[in-house]
Amino acid sequence: MTDSDRKWLLLIYRVPVEPSTFRVKAWRKMKEIGALYLQQSAAICPLLDSLKKELLDFAREIRSAGGEAHLFEVETVSKGDVENLIESFNAQRNKEYEELIEKCGDFFAELKKETERGNFTFAELEENEEELGKLLRWFDKIKARDFFGAPLSARAQEILEECRREFADFAQKVYGMEGSM
């Protein structure tokens, strides 16, 4: 399928005023699946079977909570609209990748700080292993909603590989200091 033939899912919804938590839930759901808000309560995403099922289920949930939801399969009329949508999706993902890359910088700083202190303990190793796991899971979530290959994806992946290498080096030092090798 070429970009100009691309089809989309458009969800237009209205949630009940009370409880207000449902508005937050709707926003989080759209963020989780990678939808793009066109305006308040109108979100669009590429037509994918997995997303269609999620949105159908969510539309039913909105209705059962007393709200309104309409899900449409739509086509864009102009190539320019498709390009604008894809640019907007990529901009959203790039923001997420930027934040992830920034957090990787924090991870490097933590490893450097502990290395300078000579704090090569199993407790520190475990803490940093958990942090690396969080970064990797976060990347996987972003990647799952990166429908169009946002430009920063490759850079984020490179940085994460560097995180893995730095962590492996730190782990070697811990095992050496703790006499486990």
N, C-alpha and C. Protein backbone atom coordinates (compact mmCIF):
# COMPACT_ATOMS: atom_id res chain seq x y z
N MET A 1 0.85 -1.18 0.00
CA MET A 1 0.00 0.00 0.00
C MET A 1 0.89 1.24 0.00
N THR A 2 0.62 2.13 -0.89
CA THR A 2 1.35 3.40 -0.89
C THR A 2 0.70 4.34 0.12
N ASP A 3 1.45 5.36 0.50
CA ASP A 3 0.92 6.30 1.48
C ASP A 3 -0.37 6.96 0.99
N SER A 4 -0.46 7.22 -0.31
CA SER A 4 -1.66 7.89 -0.82
C SER A 4 -2.89 6.98 -0.79
N ASP A 5 -2.68 5.65 -0.73
CA ASP A 5 -3.80 4.71 -0.64
C ASP A 5 -4.15 4.37 0.81
N ARG A 6 -3.41 4.93 1.72
CA ARG A 6 -3.56 4.58 3.14
C ARG A 6 -4.96 4.90 3.65
N LYS A 7 -5.44 4.00 4.51
CA LYS A 7 -6.72 4.22 5.17
C LYS A 7 -6.46 4.44 6.65
N TRP A 8 -7.43 5.07 7.28
CA TRP A 8 -7.27 5.50 8.66
C TRP A 8 -8.48 5.10 9.49
N LEU A 9 -8.28 5.04 10.78
CA LEU A 9 -9.37 4.88 11.74
C LEU A 9 -9.55 6.22 12.43
N LEU A 10 -10.77 6.69 12.44
CA LEU A 10 -11.09 7.97 13.07
C LEU A 10 -12.10 7.71 14.18
N LEU A 11 -11.71 8.03 15.40
CA LEU A 11 -12.60 7.89 16.56
C LEU A 11 -13.01 9.28 17.02
N ILE A 12 -14.31 9.49 17.03
CA ILE A 12 -14.87 10.74 17.55
C ILE A 12 -15.73 10.34 18.74
N TYR A 13 -15.45 10.96 19.87
CA TYR A 13 -16.14 10.51 21.08
C TYR A 13 -16.48 11.68 21.99
N ARG A 14 -17.41 11.40 22.88
CA ARG A 14 -17.76 12.32 23.95
C ARG A 14 -17.95 11.47 25.19
N VAL A 15 -17.23 11.79 26.23
CA VAL A 15 -17.35 11.03 27.47
C VAL A 15 -18.21 11.81 28.45
N PRO A 16 -18.83 11.11 29.40
CA PRO A 16 -19.63 11.81 30.41
C PRO A 16 -18.77 12.79 31.20
N VAL A 17 -19.38 13.87 31.65
CA VAL A 17 -18.67 14.88 32.44
C VAL A 17 -18.16 14.27 33.74
N GLU A 18 -18.99 13.45 34.38
CA GLU A 18 -18.61 12.78 35.62
C GLU A 18 -18.60 11.28 35.39
N PRO A 19 -17.65 10.56 35.86
CA PRO A 19 -16.47 11.03 36.56
C PRO A 19 -15.44 11.57 35.57
N SER A 20 -14.69 12.53 36.00
CA SER A 20 -13.70 13.17 35.11
C SER A 20 -12.56 12.22 34.78
N THR A 21 -12.41 11.17 35.57
CA THR A 21 -11.33 10.21 35.32
C THR A 21 -11.47 9.53 33.96
N PHE A 22 -12.69 9.47 33.43
CA PHE A 22 -12.87 8.80 32.13
C PHE A 22 -12.23 9.61 31.00
N ARG A 23 -12.23 10.94 31.13
CA ARG A 23 -11.56 11.78 30.12
C ARG A 23 -10.06 11.47 30.11
N VAL A 24 -9.49 11.32 31.30
CA VAL A 24 -8.07 10.99 31.42
C VAL A 24 -7.82 9.61 30.85
N LYS A 25 -8.72 8.69 31.13
CA LYS A 25 -8.58 7.33 30.61
C LYS A 25 -8.59 7.33 29.08
N ALA A 26 -9.47 8.11 28.51
CA ALA A 26 -9.55 8.20 27.04
C ALA A 26 -8.26 8.77 26.47
N TRP A 27 -7.77 9.84 27.07
CA TRP A 27 -6.52 10.44 26.62
C TRP A 27 -5.38 9.44 26.70
N ARG A 28 -5.28 8.72 27.82
CA ARG A 28 -4.21 7.73 27.99
C ARG A 28 -4.32 6.60 26.98
N LYS A 29 -5.54 6.17 26.70
CA LYS A 29 -5.75 5.09 25.74
C LYS A 29 -5.27 5.53 24.35
N MET A 30 -5.62 6.74 23.96
CA MET A 30 -5.21 7.23 22.64
C MET A 30 -3.68 7.36 22.58
N LYS A 31 -3.06 7.80 23.66
CA LYS A 31 -1.60 7.92 23.72
C LYS A 31 -0.96 6.54 23.64
N GLU A 32 -1.52 5.60 24.39
CA GLU A 32 -0.98 4.24 24.43
C GLU A 32 -0.95 3.59 23.05
N ILE A 33 -2.01 3.79 22.28
CA ILE A 33 -2.05 3.14 20.96
C ILE A 33 -1.35 3.98 19.89
N GLY A 34 -0.99 5.21 20.22
CA GLY A 34 -0.27 6.05 19.27
C GLY A 34 -1.15 6.88 18.36
N ALA A 35 -2.39 7.09 18.77
CA ALA A 35 -3.31 7.90 17.96
C ALA A 35 -2.88 9.36 17.97
N LEU A 36 -3.32 10.07 16.98
CA LEU A 36 -3.03 11.49 16.83
C LEU A 36 -4.35 12.25 17.00
N TYR A 37 -4.37 13.19 17.93
CA TYR A 37 -5.58 14.00 18.09
C TYR A 37 -5.63 15.04 16.99
N LEU A 38 -6.75 15.07 16.27
CA LEU A 38 -6.98 16.09 15.25
C LEU A 38 -7.59 17.33 15.90
N GLN A 39 -8.37 17.08 16.91
CA GLN A 39 -8.94 18.11 17.77
C GLN A 39 -9.46 17.40 19.00
N GLN A 40 -10.01 18.13 19.94
CA GLN A 40 -10.48 17.51 21.17
C GLN A 40 -11.50 16.42 20.85
N SER A 41 -11.26 15.23 21.39
CA SER A 41 -12.16 14.07 21.26
C SER A 41 -12.29 13.55 19.84
N ALA A 42 -11.32 13.82 19.00
CA ALA A 42 -11.29 13.27 17.64
C ALA A 42 -9.85 12.82 17.36
N ALA A 43 -9.67 11.51 17.34
CA ALA A 43 -8.32 10.95 17.18
C ALA A 43 -8.27 10.04 15.96
N ILE A 44 -7.11 10.01 15.33
CA ILE A 44 -6.93 9.22 14.12
C ILE A 44 -5.68 8.36 14.25
N CYS A 45 -5.71 7.22 13.61
CA CYS A 45 -4.54 6.35 13.55
C CYS A 45 -4.64 5.51 12.27
N PRO A 46 -3.53 4.91 11.87
CA PRO A 46 -3.57 4.09 10.66
C PRO A 46 -4.52 2.91 10.83
N LEU A 47 -5.13 2.49 9.76
CA LEU A 47 -6.02 1.33 9.79
C LEU A 47 -5.17 0.08 9.89
N LEU A 48 -5.11 -0.47 11.09
CA LEU A 48 -4.44 -1.74 11.36
C LEU A 48 -5.44 -2.60 12.12
N ASP A 49 -5.47 -3.89 11.83
CA ASP A 49 -6.45 -4.77 12.47
C ASP A 49 -6.36 -4.70 14.00
N SER A 50 -5.15 -4.69 14.53
CA SER A 50 -4.99 -4.67 15.99
C SER A 50 -5.55 -3.38 16.58
N LEU A 51 -5.32 -2.26 15.92
CA LEU A 51 -5.85 -0.99 16.41
C LEU A 51 -7.36 -0.92 16.25
N LYS A 52 -7.86 -1.49 15.17
CA LYS A 52 -9.30 -1.47 14.94
C LYS A 52 -10.02 -2.20 16.07
N LYS A 53 -9.50 -3.36 16.45
CA LYS A 53 -10.12 -4.11 17.55
C LYS A 53 -10.06 -3.31 18.85
N GLU A 54 -8.91 -2.73 19.15
CA GLU A 54 -8.78 -1.93 20.39
C GLU A 54 -9.75 -0.76 20.40
N LEU A 55 -9.87 -0.08 19.26
CA LEU A 55 -10.76 1.08 19.21
C LEU A 55 -12.23 0.68 19.25
N LEU A 56 -12.57 -0.44 18.62
CA LEU A 56 -13.95 -0.93 18.72
C LEU A 56 -14.30 -1.24 20.18
N ASP A 57 -13.39 -1.92 20.86
CA ASP A 57 -13.61 -2.25 22.27
C ASP A 57 -13.72 -0.98 23.11
N PHE A 58 -12.85 0.00 22.83
CA PHE A 58 -12.87 1.23 23.61
C PHE A 58 -14.14 2.04 23.32
N ALA A 59 -14.59 2.04 22.07
CA ALA A 59 -15.84 2.75 21.74
C ALA A 59 -17.01 2.13 22.51
N ARG A 60 -17.03 0.79 22.60
CA ARG A 60 -18.08 0.13 23.39
C ARG A 60 -17.99 0.53 24.87
N GLU A 61 -16.75 0.62 25.37
CA GLU A 61 -16.55 1.01 26.78
C GLU A 61 -17.06 2.44 27.02
N ILE A 62 -16.78 3.33 26.09
CA ILE A 62 -17.26 4.72 26.21
C ILE A 62 -18.78 4.74 26.25
N ARG A 63 -19.41 3.99 25.33
CA ARG A 63 -20.88 3.95 25.28
C ARG A 63 -21.46 3.36 26.56
N SER A 64 -20.85 2.30 27.07
CA SER A 64 -21.39 1.66 28.27
C SER A 64 -21.22 2.55 29.50
N ALA A 65 -20.31 3.53 29.42
CA ALA A 65 -20.13 4.49 30.53
C ALA A 65 -21.06 5.69 30.37
N GLY A 66 -21.91 5.67 29.34
CA GLY A 66 -22.85 6.76 29.14
C GLY A 66 -22.38 7.82 28.16
N GLY A 67 -21.29 7.55 27.45
CA GLY A 67 -20.77 8.50 26.48
C GLY A 67 -21.20 8.15 25.07
N GLU A 68 -20.65 8.86 24.12
CA GLU A 68 -20.91 8.60 22.70
C GLU A 68 -19.59 8.32 22.03
N ALA A 69 -19.61 7.39 21.07
CA ALA A 69 -18.39 7.08 20.32
C ALA A 69 -18.76 6.62 18.92
N HIS A 70 -18.03 7.15 17.96
CA HIS A 70 -18.23 6.77 16.56
C HIS A 70 -16.87 6.47 15.96
N LEU A 71 -16.74 5.28 15.40
CA LEU A 71 -15.48 4.86 14.79
C LEU A 71 -15.69 4.72 13.30
N PHE A 72 -14.82 5.38 12.53
CA PHE A 72 -14.94 5.36 11.08
C PHE A 72 -13.65 4.89 10.44
N GLU A 73 -13.77 4.21 9.31
CA GLU A 73 -12.64 3.97 8.43
C GLU A 73 -12.71 5.07 7.38
N VAL A 74 -11.61 5.81 7.25
CA VAL A 74 -11.62 6.95 6.33
C VAL A 74 -10.39 6.91 5.41
N GLU A 75 -10.52 7.63 4.31
CA GLU A 75 -9.40 7.83 3.39
C GLU A 75 -9.13 9.32 3.32
N THR A 76 -7.89 9.66 3.07
CA THR A 76 -7.58 11.07 2.86
C THR A 76 -7.80 11.39 1.39
N VAL A 77 -8.12 12.62 1.13
CA VAL A 77 -8.43 13.04 -0.23
C VAL A 77 -7.17 13.48 -0.97
N SER A 78 -6.25 14.11 -0.27
CA SER A 78 -5.06 14.63 -0.95
C SER A 78 -3.79 14.01 -0.39
N LYS A 79 -2.80 13.93 -1.26
CA LYS A 79 -1.49 13.43 -0.86
C LYS A 79 -0.90 14.33 0.22
N GLY A 80 -1.16 15.61 0.13
CA GLY A 80 -0.66 16.55 1.13
C GLY A 80 -1.20 16.25 2.52
N ASP A 81 -2.48 15.86 2.61
CA ASP A 81 -3.06 15.51 3.91
C ASP A 81 -2.37 14.29 4.49
N VAL A 82 -2.09 13.30 3.65
CA VAL A 82 -1.40 12.09 4.11
C VAL A 82 -0.01 12.46 4.63
N GLU A 83 0.70 13.27 3.86
CA GLU A 83 2.05 13.68 4.27
C GLU A 83 2.01 14.45 5.59
N ASN A 84 1.03 15.33 5.75
CA ASN A 84 0.89 16.09 6.99
C ASN A 84 0.60 15.18 8.17
N LEU A 85 -0.28 14.21 7.97
CA LEU A 85 -0.59 13.28 9.05
C LEU A 85 0.66 12.48 9.45
N ILE A 86 1.37 11.96 8.46
CA ILE A 86 2.57 11.17 8.75
C ILE A 86 3.61 12.03 9.46
N GLU A 87 3.78 13.27 9.02
CA GLU A 87 4.71 14.18 9.70
C GLU A 87 4.29 14.40 11.16
N SER A 88 3.01 14.54 11.38
CA SER A 88 2.51 14.75 12.75
C SER A 88 2.73 13.52 13.62
N PHE A 89 2.47 12.34 13.06
CA PHE A 89 2.73 11.11 13.80
C PHE A 89 4.22 11.00 14.13
N ASN A 90 5.07 11.27 13.15
CA ASN A 90 6.52 11.19 13.39
C ASN A 90 6.99 12.23 14.41
N ALA A 91 6.39 13.40 14.39
CA ALA A 91 6.75 14.43 15.37
C ALA A 91 6.40 13.96 16.79
N GLN A 92 5.23 13.32 16.93
CA GLN A 92 4.84 12.77 18.23
C GLN A 92 5.85 11.74 18.71
N ARG A 93 6.20 10.81 17.83
CA ARG A 93 7.15 9.76 18.21
C ARG A 93 8.53 10.34 18.50
N ASN A 94 8.96 11.33 17.70
CA ASN A 94 10.27 11.93 17.94
C ASN A 94 10.33 12.56 19.33
N LYS A 95 9.25 13.18 19.78
CA LYS A 95 9.23 13.75 21.13
C LYS A 95 9.44 12.66 22.17
N GLU A 96 8.79 11.52 21.95
CA GLU A 96 8.95 10.41 22.88
C GLU A 96 10.38 9.86 22.84
N TYR A 97 10.93 9.72 21.64
CA TYR A 97 12.32 9.24 21.51
C TYR A 97 13.29 10.23 22.16
N GLU A 98 13.04 11.53 22.00
CA GLU A 98 13.91 12.54 22.63
C GLU A 98 13.92 12.38 24.14
N GLU A 99 12.75 12.17 24.71
CA GLU A 99 12.66 11.99 26.16
C GLU A 99 13.40 10.72 26.59
N LEU A 100 13.25 9.66 25.83
CA LEU A 100 13.96 8.41 26.13
C LEU A 100 15.47 8.61 26.05
N ILE A 101 15.92 9.29 25.02
CA ILE A 101 17.36 9.56 24.86
C ILE A 101 17.89 10.37 26.04
N GLU A 102 17.09 11.34 26.49
CA GLU A 102 17.47 12.14 27.65
C GLU A 102 17.62 11.26 28.89
N LYS A 103 16.68 10.34 29.08
CA LYS A 103 16.75 9.43 30.23
C LYS A 103 17.95 8.49 30.11
N CYS A 104 18.34 8.14 28.90
CA CYS A 104 19.56 7.35 28.71
C CYS A 104 20.77 8.14 29.19
N GLY A 105 20.76 9.44 28.96
CA GLY A 105 21.83 10.29 29.46
C GLY A 105 21.91 10.23 30.98
N ASP A 106 20.75 10.20 31.64
CA ASP A 106 20.73 10.05 33.10
C ASP A 106 21.31 8.71 33.52
N PHE A 107 21.03 7.68 32.73
CA PHE A 107 21.55 6.33 33.02
C PHE A 107 23.08 6.33 32.93
N PHE A 108 23.61 6.96 31.87
CA PHE A 108 25.07 7.04 31.72
C PHE A 108 25.69 7.80 32.90
N ALA A 109 25.04 8.89 33.29
CA ALA A 109 25.55 9.71 34.40
C ALA A 109 25.58 8.90 35.70
N GLU A 110 24.55 8.10 35.92
CA GLU A 110 24.50 7.27 37.12
C GLU A 110 25.63 6.24 37.12
N LEU A 111 25.84 5.58 35.99
CA LEU A 111 26.93 4.60 35.90
C LEU A 111 28.28 5.28 36.13
N LYS A 112 28.44 6.46 35.55
CA LYS A 112 29.70 7.19 35.71
C LYS A 112 29.91 7.57 37.18
N LYS A 113 28.87 8.07 37.82
CA LYS A 113 28.96 8.48 39.22
C LYS A 113 29.35 7.29 40.11
N GLU A 114 28.71 6.16 39.90
CA GLU A 114 29.00 4.99 40.72
C GLU A 114 30.39 4.42 40.42
N THR A 115 30.82 4.55 39.17
CA THR A 115 32.17 4.10 38.81
C THR A 115 33.21 4.99 39.49
N GLU A 116 33.00 6.30 39.44
CA GLU A 116 33.93 7.22 40.09
C GLU A 116 34.00 7.00 41.59
N ARG A 117 32.90 6.61 42.19
CA ARG A 117 32.86 6.31 43.63
C ARG A 117 33.45 4.94 43.95
N GLY A 118 33.59 4.12 42.91
CA GLY A 118 34.03 2.74 43.13
C GLY A 118 32.94 1.91 43.81
N ASN A 119 31.71 2.28 43.57
CA ASN A 119 30.56 1.61 44.19
C ASN A 119 30.12 0.43 43.33
N PHE A 120 30.92 -0.62 43.36
CA PHE A 120 30.67 -1.80 42.53
C PHE A 120 30.05 -2.91 43.38
N THR A 121 28.78 -2.70 43.76
CA THR A 121 28.08 -3.67 44.60
C THR A 121 26.96 -4.32 43.81
N PHE A 122 26.53 -5.49 44.31
CA PHE A 122 25.41 -6.17 43.66
C PHE A 122 24.13 -5.35 43.75
N ALA A 123 23.96 -4.62 44.85
CA ALA A 123 22.77 -3.77 45.00
C ALA A 123 22.75 -2.70 43.91
N GLU A 124 23.91 -2.09 43.66
CA GLU A 124 23.99 -1.06 42.62
C GLU A 124 23.78 -1.68 41.24
N LEU A 125 24.32 -2.86 41.04
CA LEU A 125 24.15 -3.58 39.77
C LEU A 125 22.66 -3.86 39.53
N GLU A 126 21.99 -4.34 40.56
CA GLU A 126 20.57 -4.66 40.43
C GLU A 126 19.76 -3.41 40.12
N GLU A 127 20.06 -2.32 40.81
CA GLU A 127 19.34 -1.06 40.58
C GLU A 127 19.51 -0.59 39.14
N ASN A 128 20.73 -0.65 38.63
CA ASN A 128 20.98 -0.21 37.26
C ASN A 128 20.41 -1.18 36.23
N GLU A 129 20.38 -2.45 36.57
CA GLU A 129 19.77 -3.43 35.66
C GLU A 129 18.27 -3.16 35.53
N GLU A 130 17.63 -2.82 36.65
CA GLU A 130 16.21 -2.47 36.61
C GLU A 130 15.98 -1.23 35.76
N GLU A 131 16.84 -0.23 35.91
CA GLU A 131 16.70 1.01 35.14
C GLU A 131 16.88 0.74 33.64
N LEU A 132 17.86 -0.09 33.30
CA LEU A 132 18.06 -0.45 31.90
C LEU A 132 16.83 -1.18 31.36
N GLY A 133 16.28 -2.07 32.16
CA GLY A 133 15.06 -2.77 31.75
C GLY A 133 13.91 -1.81 31.47
N LYS A 134 13.76 -0.80 32.32
CA LYS A 134 12.71 0.21 32.11
C LYS A 134 12.92 0.95 30.80
N LEU A 135 14.18 1.32 30.52
CA LEU A 135 14.48 2.04 29.27
C LEU A 135 14.15 1.16 28.07
N LEU A 136 14.50 -0.10 28.12
CA LEU A 136 14.25 -1.01 27.00
C LEU A 136 12.75 -1.24 26.79
N ARG A 137 12.01 -1.38 27.88
CA ARG A 137 10.55 -1.56 27.76
C ARG A 137 9.89 -0.30 27.22
N TRP A 138 10.39 0.85 27.64
CA TRP A 138 9.86 2.13 27.15
C TRP A 138 10.09 2.23 25.64
N PHE A 139 11.30 1.88 25.20
CA PHE A 139 11.58 1.91 23.76
C PHE A 139 10.62 0.99 23.01
N ASP A 140 10.40 -0.20 23.53
CA ASP A 140 9.49 -1.14 22.86
C ASP A 140 8.09 -0.57 22.73
N LYS A 141 7.62 0.15 23.75
CA LYS A 141 6.29 0.76 23.69
C LYS A 141 6.24 1.85 22.62
N ILE A 142 7.28 2.67 22.57
CA ILE A 142 7.32 3.73 21.57
C ILE A 142 7.38 3.11 20.18
N LYS A 143 8.25 2.13 20.02
CA LYS A 143 8.43 1.48 18.71
C LYS A 143 7.12 0.85 18.22
N ALA A 144 6.34 0.30 19.14
CA ALA A 144 5.07 -0.34 18.76
C ALA A 144 4.08 0.66 18.17
N ARG A 145 4.19 1.93 18.56
CA ARG A 145 3.27 2.94 18.02
C ARG A 145 3.97 3.87 17.02
N ASP A 146 5.16 3.50 16.62
CA ASP A 146 5.90 4.26 15.61
C ASP A 146 5.55 3.69 14.24
N PHE A 147 4.39 4.08 13.75
CA PHE A 147 3.83 3.49 12.54
C PHE A 147 4.60 3.84 11.27
N PHE A 148 5.32 4.96 11.28
CA PHE A 148 5.93 5.45 10.04
C PHE A 148 7.43 5.62 10.12
N GLY A 149 8.06 5.03 11.12
CA GLY A 149 9.52 5.08 11.22
C GLY A 149 10.05 6.48 11.47
N ALA A 150 9.71 7.03 12.62
CA ALA A 150 10.17 8.38 12.98
C ALA A 150 11.69 8.45 12.93
N PRO A 151 12.23 9.57 12.48
CA PRO A 151 13.67 9.71 12.28
C PRO A 151 14.53 9.40 13.51
N LEU A 152 14.05 9.70 14.71
CA LEU A 152 14.88 9.48 15.90
C LEU A 152 14.89 8.03 16.38
N SER A 153 14.13 7.17 15.75
CA SER A 153 14.09 5.77 16.16
C SER A 153 15.47 5.12 16.12
N ALA A 154 16.18 5.31 15.04
CA ALA A 154 17.51 4.70 14.89
C ALA A 154 18.47 5.24 15.95
N ARG A 155 18.42 6.54 16.21
CA ARG A 155 19.31 7.13 17.22
C ARG A 155 18.99 6.58 18.62
N ALA A 156 17.70 6.45 18.92
CA ALA A 156 17.31 5.90 20.22
C ALA A 156 17.81 4.46 20.36
N GLN A 157 17.71 3.71 19.30
CA GLN A 157 18.18 2.32 19.34
C GLN A 157 19.70 2.27 19.55
N GLU A 158 20.43 3.16 18.88
CA GLU A 158 21.89 3.22 19.07
C GLU A 158 22.25 3.56 20.51
N ILE A 159 21.55 4.54 21.07
CA ILE A 159 21.82 4.95 22.45
C ILE A 159 21.53 3.80 23.41
N LEU A 160 20.46 3.06 23.16
CA LEU A 160 20.14 1.93 24.03
C LEU A 160 21.20 0.84 23.93
N GLU A 161 21.74 0.64 22.76
CA GLU A 161 22.83 -0.34 22.62
C GLU A 161 24.05 0.12 23.42
N GLU A 162 24.29 1.42 23.40
CA GLU A 162 25.38 1.98 24.20
C GLU A 162 25.10 1.79 25.70
N CYS A 163 23.83 1.95 26.09
CA CYS A 163 23.45 1.71 27.49
C CYS A 163 23.76 0.26 27.87
N ARG A 164 23.42 -0.66 26.97
CA ARG A 164 23.69 -2.08 27.24
C ARG A 164 25.19 -2.34 27.42
N ARG A 165 25.99 -1.75 26.53
CA ARG A 165 27.45 -1.94 26.61
C ARG A 165 28.02 -1.36 27.90
N GLU A 166 27.59 -0.15 28.23
CA GLU A 166 28.06 0.49 29.46
C GLU A 166 27.65 -0.31 30.69
N PHE A 167 26.43 -0.82 30.66
CA PHE A 167 25.97 -1.64 31.78
C PHE A 167 26.78 -2.93 31.88
N ALA A 168 27.06 -3.56 30.75
CA ALA A 168 27.87 -4.79 30.75
C ALA A 168 29.25 -4.51 31.32
N ASP A 169 29.84 -3.37 30.97
CA ASP A 169 31.15 -3.00 31.53
C ASP A 169 31.05 -2.81 33.05
N PHE A 170 30.00 -2.13 33.47
CA PHE A 170 29.79 -1.91 34.91
C PHE A 170 29.61 -3.26 35.62
N ALA A 171 28.85 -4.15 35.02
CA ALA A 171 28.61 -5.47 35.62
C ALA A 171 29.92 -6.24 35.77
N GLN A 172 30.79 -6.16 34.76
CA GLN A 172 32.09 -6.83 34.85
C GLN A 172 32.89 -6.31 36.04
N LYS A 173 32.83 -5.01 36.28
CA LYS A 173 33.55 -4.42 37.40
C LYS A 173 32.96 -4.90 38.72
N VAL A 174 31.63 -4.99 38.78
CA VAL A 174 30.98 -5.47 40.01
C VAL A 174 31.41 -6.91 40.28
N TYR A 175 31.32 -7.75 39.26
CA TYR A 175 31.69 -9.16 39.46
C TYR A 175 33.16 -9.28 39.85
N GLY A 176 34.01 -8.45 39.28
CA GLY A 176 35.42 -8.46 39.64
C GLY A 176 35.65 -8.04 41.08
N MET A 177 34.95 -7.01 41.52
CA MET A 177 35.12 -6.49 42.89
C MET A 177 34.50 -7.44 43.92
N GLU A 178 33.42 -8.09 43.54
CA GLU A 178 32.74 -8.98 44.47
C GLU A 178 33.34 -10.39 44.44
N GLY A 179 34.34 -10.61 43.56
CA GLY A 179 35.02 -11.91 43.50
C GLY A 179 34.19 -13.01 42.93
N SER A 180 33.22 -12.66 42.08
CA SER A 180 32.34 -13.69 41.53
C SER A 180 32.79 -14.21 40.17
N MET A 181 33.92 -13.78 39.71
CA MET A 181 34.34 -14.23 38.39
C MET A 181 35.41 -15.28 38.51
